[in-house]
């Protein structure tokens, strides 16, 4: 058993925190870009569309990373439970006989 449940929870919290900061940064960046854009309305709309598409792709990539990390954490947790059950069974057998 190399990793405890608390470690897995800390990793999940860290991943969600990073996603939240990323999304916050994306919103702030887009706002600043609009406010300081020295372009025409048409150019600004094109820029916003492009940036929104990039943001959408970044969120999709980050979401995929989170899903992959969650699957990995689930597998690790399942392995920890299996190992704990095996240890319990061995201890029980030792006590019985």
N, C-alpha and C. Protein backbone atom coordinates (compact mmCIF):
# COMPACT_ATOMS: atom_id res chain seq x y z
N UNK A 1 0.84 -1.17 0.00
CA UNK A 1 0.00 0.00 0.00
C UNK A 1 0.89 1.23 0.00
N UNK A 2 1.07 1.79 -1.16
CA UNK A 2 2.01 2.90 -1.29
C UNK A 2 1.35 4.26 -1.14
N UNK A 3 0.05 4.33 -1.28
CA UNK A 3 -0.60 5.64 -1.26
C UNK A 3 -1.87 5.56 -0.43
N UNK A 4 -2.08 6.54 0.42
CA UNK A 4 -3.27 6.54 1.26
C UNK A 4 -4.41 7.28 0.56
N UNK A 5 -5.58 7.12 1.11
CA UNK A 5 -6.78 7.79 0.58
C UNK A 5 -6.59 9.31 0.65
N UNK A 6 -5.95 9.80 1.71
CA UNK A 6 -5.71 11.24 1.84
C UNK A 6 -4.84 11.76 0.70
N UNK A 7 -3.84 10.97 0.28
CA UNK A 7 -2.99 11.38 -0.83
C UNK A 7 -3.81 11.50 -2.12
N UNK A 8 -4.71 10.55 -2.33
CA UNK A 8 -5.55 10.57 -3.53
C UNK A 8 -6.47 11.79 -3.49
N UNK A 9 -7.05 12.07 -2.31
CA UNK A 9 -7.92 13.25 -2.17
C UNK A 9 -7.13 14.53 -2.43
N UNK A 10 -5.89 14.59 -1.91
CA UNK A 10 -5.06 15.77 -2.14
C UNK A 10 -4.77 15.96 -3.62
N UNK A 11 -4.54 14.87 -4.34
CA UNK A 11 -4.28 14.96 -5.77
C UNK A 11 -5.52 15.46 -6.51
N UNK A 12 -6.69 14.97 -6.13
CA UNK A 12 -7.92 15.43 -6.76
C UNK A 12 -8.13 16.92 -6.49
N UNK A 13 -7.93 17.34 -5.24
CA UNK A 13 -8.08 18.76 -4.90
C UNK A 13 -7.11 19.61 -5.70
N UNK A 14 -5.89 19.13 -5.85
CA UNK A 14 -4.87 19.87 -6.60
C UNK A 14 -5.28 20.00 -8.06
N UNK A 15 -5.78 18.92 -8.65
CA UNK A 15 -6.21 18.95 -10.05
C UNK A 15 -7.38 19.91 -10.25
N UNK A 16 -8.35 19.85 -9.36
CA UNK A 16 -9.51 20.75 -9.48
C UNK A 16 -9.09 22.20 -9.25
N UNK A 17 -8.16 22.42 -8.33
CA UNK A 17 -7.66 23.77 -8.09
C UNK A 17 -6.96 24.33 -9.32
N UNK A 18 -6.17 23.50 -9.98
CA UNK A 18 -5.49 23.94 -11.20
C UNK A 18 -6.48 24.29 -12.29
N UNK A 19 -7.52 23.47 -12.43
CA UNK A 19 -8.54 23.75 -13.44
C UNK A 19 -9.25 25.06 -13.14
N UNK A 20 -9.57 25.29 -11.88
CA UNK A 20 -10.25 26.53 -11.51
C UNK A 20 -9.37 27.74 -11.81
N UNK A 21 -8.08 27.66 -11.48
CA UNK A 21 -7.17 28.78 -11.76
C UNK A 21 -7.01 28.98 -13.26
N UNK A 22 -6.95 27.88 -14.01
CA UNK A 22 -6.84 27.99 -15.47
C UNK A 22 -8.04 28.72 -16.05
N UNK A 23 -9.24 28.30 -15.65
CA UNK A 23 -10.46 28.93 -16.17
C UNK A 23 -10.54 30.40 -15.75
N UNK A 24 -10.14 30.70 -14.52
CA UNK A 24 -10.13 32.08 -14.06
C UNK A 24 -9.18 32.92 -14.91
N UNK A 25 -8.00 32.39 -15.17
CA UNK A 25 -7.02 33.09 -16.00
C UNK A 25 -7.52 33.31 -17.41
N UNK A 26 -8.22 32.31 -17.94
CA UNK A 26 -8.76 32.43 -19.30
C UNK A 26 -9.79 33.55 -19.38
N UNK A 27 -10.66 33.63 -18.38
CA UNK A 27 -11.68 34.68 -18.36
C UNK A 27 -11.03 36.06 -18.21
N UNK A 28 -10.08 36.18 -17.31
CA UNK A 28 -9.40 37.46 -17.12
C UNK A 28 -8.65 37.86 -18.40
N UNK A 29 -7.97 36.91 -19.01
CA UNK A 29 -7.24 37.19 -20.25
C UNK A 29 -8.15 37.65 -21.36
N UNK A 30 -9.29 37.00 -21.51
CA UNK A 30 -10.24 37.39 -22.56
C UNK A 30 -10.80 38.79 -22.29
N UNK A 31 -11.07 39.09 -21.04
CA UNK A 31 -11.59 40.41 -20.68
C UNK A 31 -10.58 41.50 -20.99
N UNK A 32 -9.34 41.27 -20.60
CA UNK A 32 -8.29 42.25 -20.87
C UNK A 32 -8.09 42.42 -22.37
N UNK A 33 -8.13 41.32 -23.11
CA UNK A 33 -7.95 41.39 -24.56
C UNK A 33 -9.04 42.24 -25.21
N UNK A 34 -10.27 42.10 -24.76
CA UNK A 34 -11.38 42.88 -25.32
C UNK A 34 -11.23 44.36 -24.97
N UNK A 35 -10.87 44.64 -23.73
CA UNK A 35 -10.76 46.02 -23.29
C UNK A 35 -9.63 46.78 -23.99
N UNK A 36 -8.56 46.11 -24.29
CA UNK A 36 -7.40 46.77 -24.88
C UNK A 36 -7.20 46.45 -26.36
N UNK A 37 -8.20 45.87 -26.98
CA UNK A 37 -8.08 45.50 -28.38
C UNK A 37 -8.12 46.76 -29.26
N UNK A 38 -7.04 47.03 -29.98
CA UNK A 38 -7.01 48.22 -30.85
C UNK A 38 -7.51 47.89 -32.26
N UNK A 39 -8.50 47.07 -32.34
CA UNK A 39 -8.99 46.62 -33.65
C UNK A 39 -10.45 47.03 -33.84
N UNK A 40 -10.91 46.87 -35.06
CA UNK A 40 -12.30 47.17 -35.35
C UNK A 40 -13.20 46.12 -34.70
N UNK A 41 -14.48 46.41 -34.70
CA UNK A 41 -15.45 45.47 -34.12
C UNK A 41 -15.40 44.11 -34.79
N UNK A 42 -15.30 44.10 -36.12
CA UNK A 42 -15.25 42.83 -36.86
C UNK A 42 -13.99 42.05 -36.48
N UNK A 43 -12.86 42.74 -36.43
CA UNK A 43 -11.61 42.07 -36.07
C UNK A 43 -11.64 41.57 -34.63
N UNK A 44 -12.23 42.37 -33.75
CA UNK A 44 -12.33 41.97 -32.34
C UNK A 44 -13.21 40.74 -32.19
N UNK A 45 -14.33 40.71 -32.92
CA UNK A 45 -15.21 39.55 -32.88
C UNK A 45 -14.49 38.30 -33.39
N UNK A 46 -13.72 38.47 -34.46
CA UNK A 46 -12.93 37.35 -35.00
C UNK A 46 -11.92 36.87 -33.97
N UNK A 47 -11.24 37.82 -33.32
CA UNK A 47 -10.27 37.49 -32.29
C UNK A 47 -10.95 36.74 -31.14
N UNK A 48 -12.10 37.25 -30.71
CA UNK A 48 -12.83 36.60 -29.62
C UNK A 48 -13.27 35.19 -30.00
N UNK A 49 -13.73 35.04 -31.24
CA UNK A 49 -14.14 33.71 -31.71
C UNK A 49 -12.95 32.75 -31.69
N UNK A 50 -11.81 33.22 -32.19
CA UNK A 50 -10.62 32.38 -32.20
C UNK A 50 -10.18 32.02 -30.78
N UNK A 51 -10.18 33.02 -29.90
CA UNK A 51 -9.77 32.78 -28.51
C UNK A 51 -10.76 31.86 -27.80
N UNK A 52 -12.03 32.03 -28.08
CA UNK A 52 -13.03 31.16 -27.46
C UNK A 52 -12.83 29.72 -27.93
N UNK A 53 -12.51 29.55 -29.21
CA UNK A 53 -12.25 28.22 -29.75
C UNK A 53 -11.01 27.61 -29.07
N UNK A 54 -9.97 28.43 -28.89
CA UNK A 54 -8.76 27.95 -28.21
C UNK A 54 -9.08 27.58 -26.76
N UNK A 55 -9.88 28.41 -26.10
CA UNK A 55 -10.29 28.13 -24.72
C UNK A 55 -11.11 26.86 -24.63
N UNK A 56 -12.01 26.70 -25.60
CA UNK A 56 -12.84 25.50 -25.63
C UNK A 56 -11.96 24.25 -25.77
N UNK A 57 -10.97 24.33 -26.66
CA UNK A 57 -10.07 23.21 -26.86
C UNK A 57 -9.24 22.94 -25.61
N UNK A 58 -8.78 24.02 -24.96
CA UNK A 58 -8.00 23.86 -23.73
C UNK A 58 -8.83 23.21 -22.63
N UNK A 59 -10.08 23.63 -22.51
CA UNK A 59 -10.97 23.04 -21.51
C UNK A 59 -11.22 21.57 -21.83
N UNK A 60 -11.42 21.26 -23.11
CA UNK A 60 -11.63 19.86 -23.50
C UNK A 60 -10.40 19.03 -23.18
N UNK A 61 -9.22 19.56 -23.47
CA UNK A 61 -7.99 18.83 -23.17
C UNK A 61 -7.82 18.65 -21.67
N UNK A 62 -8.08 19.71 -20.91
CA UNK A 62 -7.95 19.64 -19.45
C UNK A 62 -8.97 18.66 -18.88
N UNK A 63 -10.19 18.69 -19.42
CA UNK A 63 -11.22 17.75 -18.96
C UNK A 63 -10.79 16.31 -19.21
N UNK A 64 -10.20 16.07 -20.37
CA UNK A 64 -9.73 14.72 -20.68
C UNK A 64 -8.63 14.31 -19.70
N UNK A 65 -7.74 15.25 -19.40
CA UNK A 65 -6.68 14.96 -18.43
C UNK A 65 -7.26 14.64 -17.06
N UNK A 66 -8.29 15.38 -16.67
CA UNK A 66 -8.93 15.14 -15.37
C UNK A 66 -9.60 13.78 -15.36
N UNK A 67 -10.28 13.43 -16.44
CA UNK A 67 -10.93 12.12 -16.52
C UNK A 67 -9.89 11.01 -16.44
N UNK A 68 -8.79 11.17 -17.18
CA UNK A 68 -7.73 10.17 -17.13
C UNK A 68 -7.14 10.06 -15.73
N UNK A 69 -6.89 11.20 -15.09
CA UNK A 69 -6.34 11.19 -13.74
C UNK A 69 -7.34 10.55 -12.76
N UNK A 70 -8.61 10.83 -12.95
CA UNK A 70 -9.64 10.25 -12.07
C UNK A 70 -9.70 8.74 -12.23
N UNK A 71 -9.60 8.27 -13.46
CA UNK A 71 -9.59 6.81 -13.69
C UNK A 71 -8.39 6.18 -13.02
N UNK A 72 -7.24 6.84 -13.16
CA UNK A 72 -6.02 6.32 -12.54
C UNK A 72 -6.15 6.29 -11.02
N UNK A 73 -6.70 7.37 -10.44
CA UNK A 73 -6.89 7.42 -8.99
C UNK A 73 -7.87 6.35 -8.54
N UNK A 74 -8.93 6.12 -9.32
CA UNK A 74 -9.90 5.08 -8.99
C UNK A 74 -9.23 3.72 -8.98
N UNK A 75 -8.42 3.46 -9.99
CA UNK A 75 -7.72 2.17 -10.06
C UNK A 75 -6.77 2.01 -8.88
N UNK A 76 -6.06 3.08 -8.52
CA UNK A 76 -5.17 3.00 -7.36
C UNK A 76 -5.96 2.74 -6.09
N UNK A 77 -7.08 3.41 -5.95
CA UNK A 77 -7.93 3.20 -4.77
C UNK A 77 -8.46 1.79 -4.72
N UNK A 78 -8.86 1.27 -5.86
CA UNK A 78 -9.35 -0.11 -5.92
C UNK A 78 -8.25 -1.09 -5.54
N UNK A 79 -7.04 -0.81 -6.01
CA UNK A 79 -5.91 -1.67 -5.68
C UNK A 79 -5.63 -1.63 -4.18
N UNK A 80 -5.71 -0.42 -3.59
CA UNK A 80 -5.51 -0.30 -2.15
C UNK A 80 -6.54 -1.10 -1.38
N UNK A 81 -7.79 -1.05 -1.81
CA UNK A 81 -8.85 -1.80 -1.15
C UNK A 81 -8.60 -3.30 -1.28
N UNK A 82 -8.22 -3.73 -2.47
CA UNK A 82 -7.93 -5.16 -2.68
C UNK A 82 -6.77 -5.62 -1.78
N UNK A 83 -5.72 -4.79 -1.70
CA UNK A 83 -4.58 -5.15 -0.86
C UNK A 83 -4.99 -5.20 0.61
N UNK A 84 -5.82 -4.25 1.03
CA UNK A 84 -6.29 -4.24 2.41
C UNK A 84 -7.13 -5.48 2.71
N UNK A 85 -7.97 -5.86 1.76
CA UNK A 85 -8.80 -7.07 1.94
C UNK A 85 -7.91 -8.31 2.04
N UNK A 86 -6.88 -8.38 1.21
CA UNK A 86 -5.96 -9.52 1.28
C UNK A 86 -5.26 -9.57 2.63
N UNK A 87 -4.79 -8.42 3.10
CA UNK A 87 -4.14 -8.37 4.41
C UNK A 87 -5.10 -8.80 5.51
N UNK A 88 -6.33 -8.36 5.43
CA UNK A 88 -7.33 -8.73 6.42
C UNK A 88 -7.55 -10.23 6.40
N UNK A 89 -7.68 -10.81 5.21
CA UNK A 89 -7.88 -12.26 5.11
C UNK A 89 -6.70 -13.03 5.68
N UNK A 90 -5.50 -12.59 5.37
CA UNK A 90 -4.31 -13.27 5.92
C UNK A 90 -4.26 -13.18 7.44
N UNK A 91 -4.58 -12.00 7.96
CA UNK A 91 -4.58 -11.82 9.42
C UNK A 91 -5.65 -12.70 10.07
N UNK A 92 -6.80 -12.78 9.45
CA UNK A 92 -7.88 -13.59 9.96
C UNK A 92 -7.49 -15.07 10.01
N UNK A 93 -6.84 -15.52 8.94
CA UNK A 93 -6.39 -16.91 8.89
C UNK A 93 -5.32 -17.18 9.94
N UNK A 94 -4.46 -16.21 10.19
CA UNK A 94 -3.41 -16.38 11.20
C UNK A 94 -4.03 -16.48 12.59
N UNK A 95 -5.06 -15.67 12.84
CA UNK A 95 -5.71 -15.69 14.16
C UNK A 95 -6.46 -17.01 14.36
N UNK A 96 -7.10 -17.51 13.30
CA UNK A 96 -7.86 -18.75 13.41
C UNK A 96 -6.94 -19.96 13.55
N UNK A 97 -5.79 -19.86 12.96
CA UNK A 97 -5.13 -21.09 13.05
C UNK A 97 -3.75 -21.30 12.79
